[in-house]
C-alpha atoms as a PDB file:
ATOM      1  CA  UNK A   1      77.525 103.268  92.562  1.00  0.00           C
ATOM      2  CA  UNK A   2      80.136 104.786  90.752  1.00  0.00           C
ATOM      3  CA  UNK A   3      83.161 106.559  92.800  1.00  0.00           C
ATOM      4  CA  UNK A   4      85.215 108.920  90.991  1.00  0.00           C
ATOM      5  CA  UNK A   5      88.900 108.783  92.610  1.00  0.00           C
ATOM      6  CA  UNK A   6      89.960 111.978  90.795  1.00  0.00           C
ATOM      7  CA  UNK A   7      87.404 114.003  92.367  1.00  0.00           C
ATOM      8  CA  UNK A   8      88.359 112.085  95.871  1.00  0.00           C
ATOM      9  CA  UNK A   9      91.780 112.615  95.322  1.00  0.00           C
ATOM     10  CA  UNK A  10      91.311 116.611  94.478  1.00  0.00           C
ATOM     11  CA  UNK A  11      89.766 117.125  97.742  1.00  0.00           C
ATOM     12  CA  UNK A  12      91.718 119.180 100.474  1.00  0.00           C
ATOM     13  CA  UNK A  13      93.076 117.195 103.040  1.00  0.00           C
ATOM     14  CA  UNK A  14      90.837 118.407 105.737  1.00  0.00           C
ATOM     15  CA  UNK A  15      87.941 117.159 103.239  1.00  0.00           C
ATOM     16  CA  UNK A  16      89.633 113.779 102.636  1.00  0.00           C
ATOM     17  CA  UNK A  17      90.160 113.578 106.620  1.00  0.00           C
ATOM     18  CA  UNK A  18      86.024 114.027 106.904  1.00  0.00           C
ATOM     19  CA  UNK A  19      85.441 111.292 104.334  1.00  0.00           C
ATOM     20  CA  UNK A  20      87.872 108.964 105.533  1.00  0.00           C
ATOM     21  CA  UNK A  21      86.100 109.436 109.251  1.00  0.00           C
ATOM     22  CA  UNK A  22      82.285 109.267 107.532  1.00  0.00           C
ATOM     23  CA  UNK A  23      83.712 105.803 105.983  1.00  0.00           C
ATOM     24  CA  UNK A  24      85.254 104.450 109.202  1.00  0.00           C
ATOM     25  CA  UNK A  25      81.979 105.383 111.173  1.00  0.00           C
ATOM     26  CA  UNK A  26      79.901 103.536 108.543  1.00  0.00           C
ATOM     27  CA  UNK A  27      81.913 100.662 108.920  1.00  0.00           C
ATOM     28  CA  UNK A  28      81.731 100.688 112.735  1.00  0.00           C
ATOM     29  CA  UNK A  29      78.269 101.231 112.562  1.00  0.00           C
ATOM     30  CA  UNK A  30      77.627  98.093 110.253  1.00  0.00           C
ATOM     31  CA  UNK A  31      79.614  96.083 112.904  1.00  0.00           C
ATOM     32  CA  UNK A  32      77.246  97.208 115.558  1.00  0.00           C
ATOM     33  CA  UNK A  33      74.304  96.258 113.278  1.00  0.00           C
ATOM     34  CA  UNK A  34      75.591  92.693 113.303  1.00  0.00           C
ATOM     35  CA  UNK A  35      77.446  92.623 110.062  1.00  0.00           C
ATOM     36  CA  UNK A  36      80.260  89.866 110.213  1.00  0.00           C
ATOM     37  CA  UNK A  37      83.639  90.366 109.154  1.00  0.00           C
ATOM     38  CA  UNK A  38      85.301  87.304 108.178  1.00  0.00           C
ATOM     39  CA  UNK A  39      88.516  86.688 107.524  1.00  0.00           C
ATOM     40  CA  UNK A  40      90.039  83.837 105.051  1.00  0.00           C
ATOM     41  CA  UNK A  41      91.846  80.709 106.655  1.00  0.00           C
ATOM     42  CA  UNK A  42      95.045  82.287 105.353  1.00  0.00           C
ATOM     43  CA  UNK A  43      94.467  85.386 107.207  1.00  0.00           C
ATOM     44  CA  UNK A  44      93.531  83.466 110.158  1.00  0.00           C
ATOM     45  CA  UNK A  45      96.737  81.335 110.134  1.00  0.00           C
ATOM     46  CA  UNK A  46      98.904  84.410 109.597  1.00  0.00           C
ATOM     47  CA  UNK A  47      97.421  86.185 112.505  1.00  0.00           C
ATOM     48  CA  UNK A  48      97.704  83.100 114.656  1.00  0.00           C
ATOM     49  CA  UNK A  49     101.041  82.609 113.826  1.00  0.00           C
ATOM     50  CA  UNK A  50     102.108  86.317 114.821  1.00  0.00           C
ATOM     51  CA  UNK A  51     100.234  86.033 118.113  1.00  0.00           C
ATOM     52  CA  UNK A  52     102.213  82.851 118.959  1.00  0.00           C
ATOM     53  CA  UNK A  53     105.490  84.580 117.624  1.00  0.00           C
ATOM     54  CA  UNK A  54     104.635  87.527 120.022  1.00  0.00           C
ATOM     55  CA  UNK A  55     103.980  85.118 122.817  1.00  0.00           C
ATOM     56  CA  UNK A  56     107.160  83.276 122.543  1.00  0.00           C
ATOM     57  CA  UNK A  57     109.157  86.670 122.245  1.00  0.00           C
ATOM     58  CA  UNK A  58     107.343  89.687 123.662  1.00  0.00           C
ATOM     59  CA  UNK A  59     109.948  91.809 123.571  1.00  0.00           C
ATOM     60  CA  UNK A  60     110.858  91.468 120.187  1.00  0.00           C
ATOM     61  CA  UNK A  61     110.228  94.171 117.780  1.00  0.00           C
ATOM     62  CA  UNK A  62     109.913  97.712 118.298  1.00  0.00           C
ATOM     63  CA  UNK A  63     107.606  99.801 120.225  1.00  0.00           C
ATOM     64  CA  UNK A  64     105.348 102.514 118.593  1.00  0.00           C
ATOM     65  CA  UNK A  65     107.631 105.172 120.105  1.00  0.00           C
ATOM     66  CA  UNK A  66     110.826 103.420 118.091  1.00  0.00           C
ATOM     67  CA  UNK A  67     108.867 103.145 114.909  1.00  0.00           C
ATOM     68  CA  UNK A  68     107.655 106.948 114.739  1.00  0.00           C
ATOM     69  CA  UNK A  69     111.040 108.156 115.582  1.00  0.00           C
ATOM     70  CA  UNK A  70     112.473 105.831 112.434  1.00  0.00           C
ATOM     71  CA  UNK A  71     109.615 107.380 110.483  1.00  0.00           C
ATOM     72  CA  UNK A  72     110.486 111.140 111.458  1.00  0.00           C
ATOM     73  CA  UNK A  73     114.198 110.550 110.632  1.00  0.00           C
ATOM     74  CA  UNK A  74     113.481 109.120 107.038  1.00  0.00           C
ATOM     75  CA  UNK A  75     111.700 112.365 105.893  1.00  0.00           C
END
């Protein structure tokens, strides 16, 4: 299968959104069919570390609202 990146990048924003939604739906349907997503041992280790850090310090970090405000200010 040949994917032409320049064609994808030339799509309008609504067309790109539709393409992404279609791709996402296809991924979701594969998961429902039993396709397994596998993580590498390194990815599992990182996720376990992050969960442990969160368990130790649940109030550390930023809320989604705080992150959105910072992003909006940086524009």
